[in-house]
Amino acid sequence: MAVEYVANTSGSAEVNGVTYTFHEGITRFSADHPVIRACPLFFDRDGVAPDVEAATANPGQLRGGPQ
């Protein structure tokens, strides 16, 4: 299965004289596409959640534990 990347922002980029337009959460390109190599910060690997740490609700409360 080919690895795909999905846009994490909306915009456009010119790569080798070609303008590519992309829309956040909608536009997907294969990993070997020129726009992915030229602008990697505008895309995330599809199906992979961003590495974001969840905050605890109350002091001393364990994440994923009883509420």
Protein backbone atom coordinates (compact mmCIF):
# COMPACT_ATOMS: atom_id res chain seq x y z
CA MET A 1 0.00 0.00 0.00
CA ALA A 2 1.39 3.38 -0.98
CA VAL A 3 2.03 5.99 1.69
CA GLU A 4 -0.09 9.10 1.28
CA TYR A 5 0.13 12.54 2.83
CA VAL A 6 -2.79 14.86 3.55
CA ALA A 7 -2.57 18.67 3.64
CA ASN A 8 -2.50 20.15 7.17
CA THR A 9 -3.17 23.65 5.80
CA SER A 10 -4.71 25.22 2.72
CA GLY A 11 -2.64 27.04 0.12
CA SER A 12 -0.60 26.60 -2.99
CA ALA A 13 3.02 26.01 -3.89
CA GLU A 14 4.97 26.28 -7.10
CA VAL A 15 7.31 23.37 -7.72
CA ASN A 16 9.40 23.23 -10.90
CA GLY A 17 7.12 25.76 -12.59
CA VAL A 18 3.90 23.90 -11.73
CA THR A 19 1.44 25.38 -9.21
CA TYR A 20 -0.19 22.86 -6.85
CA THR A 21 -3.22 23.94 -4.82
CA PHE A 22 -4.10 22.00 -1.67
CA HIS A 23 -6.88 22.13 0.92
CA GLU A 24 -6.53 21.21 4.59
CA GLY A 25 -7.78 17.71 5.35
CA ILE A 26 -8.86 17.11 1.75
CA THR A 27 -5.92 17.11 -0.66
CA ARG A 28 -3.73 13.99 -0.69
CA PHE A 29 -0.49 13.24 -2.49
CA SER A 30 1.68 10.14 -2.63
CA ALA A 31 4.93 10.21 -0.64
CA ASP A 32 7.03 10.52 -3.80
CA HIS A 33 5.12 13.51 -5.22
CA PRO A 34 7.29 16.61 -5.89
CA VAL A 35 5.13 18.89 -3.70
CA ILE A 36 5.65 16.60 -0.69
CA ARG A 37 9.42 16.70 -1.16
CA ALA A 38 9.41 20.49 -1.69
CA CYS A 39 6.96 21.45 1.11
CA PRO A 40 6.91 18.69 3.74
CA LEU A 41 5.71 20.98 6.54
CA PHE A 42 2.37 21.51 4.77
CA PHE A 43 1.48 17.79 4.90
CA ASP A 44 1.06 15.00 7.45
CA ARG A 45 1.20 11.29 6.81
CA ASP A 46 -2.39 10.15 6.23
CA GLY A 47 -3.82 8.03 9.03
CA VAL A 48 -1.24 9.13 11.59
CA ALA A 49 -2.47 11.34 14.40
CA PRO A 50 -0.27 14.34 15.24
CA ASP A 51 1.92 13.89 18.30
CA VAL A 52 -0.06 16.01 20.75
CA GLU A 53 0.00 15.40 24.48
CA ALA A 54 -3.44 15.38 26.09
CA ALA A 55 -3.84 17.64 29.12
CA THR A 56 -5.14 16.29 32.43
CA ALA A 57 -8.45 17.66 33.67
CA ASN A 58 -7.49 17.98 37.37
CA PRO A 59 -4.27 18.05 39.37
CA GLY A 60 -3.19 14.50 40.17
CA GLN A 61 -5.60 12.89 37.70
CA LEU A 62 -4.03 10.21 35.51
CA ARG A 63 -4.58 10.37 31.77
CA GLY A 64 -6.99 7.69 30.66
CA GLY A 65 -7.82 6.85 34.26
CA PRO A 66 -11.10 7.15 36.19
CA GLN A 67 -12.66 10.57 36.02
